[in-house]
Structure formats: C-alpha cells, structure tokens
N, C-alpha and C. Protein backbone atom coordinates (compact mmCIF):
# COMPACT_ATOMS: atom_id res chain seq x y z
N MET A 1 44.20 -26.95 -8.41
CA MET A 1 43.58 -25.67 -8.12
C MET A 1 44.49 -24.91 -7.16
N THR A 2 44.70 -23.66 -7.48
CA THR A 2 45.58 -22.84 -6.65
C THR A 2 44.81 -22.32 -5.45
N GLU A 3 45.56 -21.84 -4.51
CA GLU A 3 44.97 -21.25 -3.29
C GLU A 3 44.07 -20.08 -3.65
N PHE A 4 44.53 -19.28 -4.60
CA PHE A 4 43.74 -18.12 -5.03
C PHE A 4 42.41 -18.57 -5.64
N ASP A 5 42.43 -19.57 -6.50
CA ASP A 5 41.21 -20.08 -7.13
C ASP A 5 40.24 -20.61 -6.08
N ARG A 6 40.78 -21.31 -5.09
CA ARG A 6 39.92 -21.84 -4.02
C ARG A 6 39.27 -20.71 -3.24
N LYS A 7 40.04 -19.67 -2.95
CA LYS A 7 39.49 -18.53 -2.21
C LYS A 7 38.43 -17.81 -3.03
N VAL A 8 38.65 -17.69 -4.33
CA VAL A 8 37.66 -17.06 -5.20
C VAL A 8 36.38 -17.88 -5.23
N GLU A 9 36.52 -19.20 -5.33
CA GLU A 9 35.34 -20.07 -5.33
C GLU A 9 34.60 -19.99 -4.01
N ASP A 10 35.33 -19.98 -2.90
CA ASP A 10 34.70 -19.86 -1.58
C ASP A 10 33.96 -18.53 -1.45
N ALA A 11 34.59 -17.46 -1.88
CA ALA A 11 33.96 -16.14 -1.81
C ALA A 11 32.72 -16.10 -2.69
N SER A 12 32.83 -16.69 -3.87
CA SER A 12 31.69 -16.74 -4.79
C SER A 12 30.54 -17.54 -4.19
N ALA A 13 30.86 -18.65 -3.56
CA ALA A 13 29.82 -19.48 -2.93
C ALA A 13 29.15 -18.72 -1.79
N ARG A 14 29.94 -18.03 -0.97
CA ARG A 14 29.36 -17.24 0.13
C ARG A 14 28.47 -16.14 -0.41
N PHE A 15 28.93 -15.48 -1.46
CA PHE A 15 28.14 -14.41 -2.08
C PHE A 15 26.82 -14.96 -2.63
N ASN A 16 26.89 -16.08 -3.30
CA ASN A 16 25.68 -16.70 -3.86
C ASN A 16 24.70 -17.09 -2.75
N ARG A 17 25.22 -17.62 -1.64
CA ARG A 17 24.35 -17.96 -0.51
C ARG A 17 23.71 -16.71 0.07
N SER A 18 24.49 -15.64 0.18
CA SER A 18 23.96 -14.39 0.70
C SER A 18 22.85 -13.84 -0.19
N VAL A 19 23.07 -13.86 -1.48
CA VAL A 19 22.05 -13.38 -2.42
C VAL A 19 20.81 -14.25 -2.33
N ALA A 20 20.99 -15.56 -2.24
CA ALA A 20 19.84 -16.47 -2.12
C ALA A 20 19.06 -16.20 -0.84
N ASN A 21 19.78 -15.97 0.26
CA ASN A 21 19.11 -15.67 1.53
C ASN A 21 18.35 -14.35 1.45
N ILE A 22 18.96 -13.36 0.85
CA ILE A 22 18.29 -12.05 0.71
C ILE A 22 17.04 -12.19 -0.16
N ALA A 23 17.15 -12.93 -1.25
CA ALA A 23 16.00 -13.13 -2.14
C ALA A 23 14.87 -13.85 -1.40
N GLU A 24 15.22 -14.85 -0.62
CA GLU A 24 14.21 -15.59 0.15
C GLU A 24 13.53 -14.68 1.17
N THR A 25 14.33 -13.87 1.85
CA THR A 25 13.77 -12.93 2.83
C THR A 25 12.86 -11.92 2.15
N LEU A 26 13.28 -11.41 1.01
CA LEU A 26 12.44 -10.45 0.28
C LEU A 26 11.12 -11.07 -0.15
N GLU A 27 11.17 -12.31 -0.60
CA GLU A 27 9.93 -12.99 -1.00
C GLU A 27 8.98 -13.13 0.19
N LYS A 28 9.52 -13.52 1.34
CA LYS A 28 8.69 -13.68 2.54
C LYS A 28 8.12 -12.33 2.99
N GLU A 29 8.96 -11.31 3.01
CA GLU A 29 8.50 -9.99 3.44
C GLU A 29 7.47 -9.42 2.47
N THR A 30 7.67 -9.64 1.19
CA THR A 30 6.70 -9.17 0.20
C THR A 30 5.36 -9.86 0.39
N ALA A 31 5.39 -11.15 0.63
CA ALA A 31 4.15 -11.88 0.89
C ALA A 31 3.46 -11.34 2.14
N SER A 32 4.23 -11.06 3.18
CA SER A 32 3.66 -10.50 4.41
C SER A 32 3.06 -9.12 4.15
N LEU A 33 3.73 -8.32 3.34
CA LEU A 33 3.22 -6.99 3.01
C LEU A 33 1.90 -7.08 2.25
N VAL A 34 1.82 -8.00 1.31
CA VAL A 34 0.58 -8.17 0.54
C VAL A 34 -0.56 -8.58 1.46
N VAL A 35 -0.29 -9.50 2.37
CA VAL A 35 -1.32 -9.94 3.33
C VAL A 35 -1.76 -8.76 4.20
N TYR A 36 -0.81 -7.98 4.69
CA TYR A 36 -1.14 -6.81 5.52
C TYR A 36 -1.98 -5.81 4.75
N LEU A 37 -1.58 -5.52 3.52
CA LEU A 37 -2.35 -4.57 2.71
C LEU A 37 -3.78 -5.07 2.50
N ASN A 38 -3.91 -6.35 2.15
CA ASN A 38 -5.24 -6.90 1.90
C ASN A 38 -6.09 -6.99 3.15
N ASP A 39 -5.49 -7.32 4.28
CA ASP A 39 -6.25 -7.54 5.52
C ASP A 39 -6.49 -6.27 6.32
N GLU A 40 -5.58 -5.30 6.25
CA GLU A 40 -5.68 -4.12 7.10
C GLU A 40 -5.93 -2.83 6.32
N VAL A 41 -5.13 -2.58 5.32
CA VAL A 41 -5.18 -1.28 4.64
C VAL A 41 -6.41 -1.16 3.75
N VAL A 42 -6.65 -2.17 2.92
CA VAL A 42 -7.79 -2.09 1.99
C VAL A 42 -9.11 -1.92 2.72
N PRO A 43 -9.41 -2.72 3.74
CA PRO A 43 -10.68 -2.51 4.44
C PRO A 43 -10.78 -1.12 5.10
N ALA A 44 -9.67 -0.63 5.64
CA ALA A 44 -9.70 0.70 6.27
C ALA A 44 -9.96 1.78 5.23
N VAL A 45 -9.32 1.67 4.08
CA VAL A 45 -9.54 2.66 3.01
C VAL A 45 -10.99 2.60 2.55
N ARG A 46 -11.51 1.42 2.39
CA ARG A 46 -12.92 1.29 1.97
C ARG A 46 -13.86 1.89 2.99
N ALA A 47 -13.61 1.62 4.26
CA ALA A 47 -14.48 2.15 5.32
C ALA A 47 -14.41 3.67 5.35
N HIS A 48 -13.21 4.22 5.28
CA HIS A 48 -13.06 5.67 5.34
C HIS A 48 -13.56 6.33 4.06
N SER A 49 -13.42 5.66 2.94
CA SER A 49 -13.92 6.21 1.69
C SER A 49 -15.44 6.32 1.74
N SER A 50 -16.08 5.28 2.26
CA SER A 50 -17.54 5.31 2.38
C SER A 50 -17.97 6.44 3.30
N LYS A 51 -17.27 6.60 4.40
CA LYS A 51 -17.60 7.66 5.35
C LYS A 51 -17.42 9.03 4.71
N ALA A 52 -16.34 9.19 3.96
CA ALA A 52 -16.08 10.47 3.29
C ALA A 52 -17.16 10.75 2.25
N LEU A 53 -17.56 9.75 1.49
CA LEU A 53 -18.61 9.95 0.49
C LEU A 53 -19.94 10.32 1.15
N ARG A 54 -20.26 9.68 2.26
CA ARG A 54 -21.51 10.02 2.96
C ARG A 54 -21.45 11.46 3.49
N SER A 55 -20.32 11.85 4.02
CA SER A 55 -20.15 13.21 4.51
C SER A 55 -20.29 14.21 3.37
N ALA A 56 -19.65 13.89 2.22
CA ALA A 56 -19.75 14.78 1.06
C ALA A 56 -21.19 14.87 0.58
N ALA A 57 -21.92 13.76 0.61
CA ALA A 57 -23.32 13.77 0.18
C ALA A 57 -24.15 14.68 1.07
N VAL A 58 -23.91 14.65 2.36
CA VAL A 58 -24.64 15.53 3.29
C VAL A 58 -24.33 16.99 2.97
N LYS A 59 -23.05 17.30 2.79
CA LYS A 59 -22.65 18.68 2.49
C LYS A 59 -23.24 19.15 1.16
N LEU A 60 -23.25 18.28 0.16
CA LEU A 60 -23.83 18.66 -1.13
C LEU A 60 -25.34 18.89 -1.01
N ALA A 61 -26.01 18.08 -0.21
CA ALA A 61 -27.44 18.28 0.01
C ALA A 61 -27.69 19.62 0.70
N GLU A 62 -26.84 19.94 1.69
CA GLU A 62 -26.97 21.24 2.37
C GLU A 62 -26.72 22.39 1.39
N PHE A 63 -25.74 22.24 0.52
CA PHE A 63 -25.44 23.27 -0.47
C PHE A 63 -26.59 23.43 -1.46
N ALA A 64 -27.19 22.32 -1.87
CA ALA A 64 -28.35 22.38 -2.78
C ALA A 64 -29.50 23.11 -2.10
N ASP A 65 -29.74 22.84 -0.83
CA ASP A 65 -30.78 23.54 -0.08
C ASP A 65 -30.49 25.03 -0.04
N TYR A 66 -29.23 25.39 0.20
CA TYR A 66 -28.83 26.79 0.26
C TYR A 66 -29.08 27.47 -1.09
N LEU A 67 -28.68 26.81 -2.17
CA LEU A 67 -28.89 27.40 -3.51
C LEU A 67 -30.37 27.59 -3.80
N GLU A 68 -31.17 26.63 -3.42
CA GLU A 68 -32.64 26.77 -3.63
C GLU A 68 -33.19 27.92 -2.81
N ALA A 69 -32.73 28.04 -1.58
CA ALA A 69 -33.20 29.13 -0.71
C ALA A 69 -32.79 30.47 -1.30
N GLN A 70 -31.59 30.59 -1.85
CA GLN A 70 -31.13 31.83 -2.47
C GLN A 70 -31.95 32.16 -3.71
N ARG A 71 -32.28 31.12 -4.48
CA ARG A 71 -33.07 31.32 -5.70
C ARG A 71 -34.47 31.84 -5.33
N VAL A 72 -35.08 31.23 -4.32
CA VAL A 72 -36.41 31.66 -3.88
C VAL A 72 -36.33 33.07 -3.32
N LYS A 73 -35.32 33.36 -2.56
CA LYS A 73 -35.15 34.66 -1.92
C LYS A 73 -34.98 35.77 -2.98
N ASN A 74 -34.26 35.47 -4.04
CA ASN A 74 -33.98 36.47 -5.08
C ASN A 74 -35.07 36.54 -6.15
N SER A 75 -36.03 35.66 -6.11
CA SER A 75 -37.11 35.68 -7.13
C SER A 75 -38.16 36.70 -6.83
C-alpha cells in the first residue's frame, strides 16, 4: 500500500466516523425534540385552543343576542 492510499483510507475512515457521529447526534436531538413537542408544545396548544374556542363561543353568543335584539327592534 502506498503512502497516498494509506492517507486516503485514513481520511475516509475519519470522514465515516464524523458522519456516524453526526447521525448519532441528529438521532438524539430528534428524539429530544419529539419529547419536548409532546410534553410542552402539544399541551400548551390544546390549552390555548380550548381557551380560544370558549372565547369565540362567548362572542358568538353575544353576536346572536345582538342580532335578535336588532330583529325585535326592526319588527
């Protein structure tokens, strides 16, 4: 094996280790992101969605009352 071949093999091995390390890190970070989304983001979205729907329901009820009052007033 020539010096050049050895250097190419060494560089290839280092590159492969780097790619493997990056892939492992990405897998760990992705798992952490999924846990964060499930534990923090999803419950917050659900809580705020419920609050928004309740607020919209109140506003729609007020609007329905207004429409009824206008109908009675114009009759």
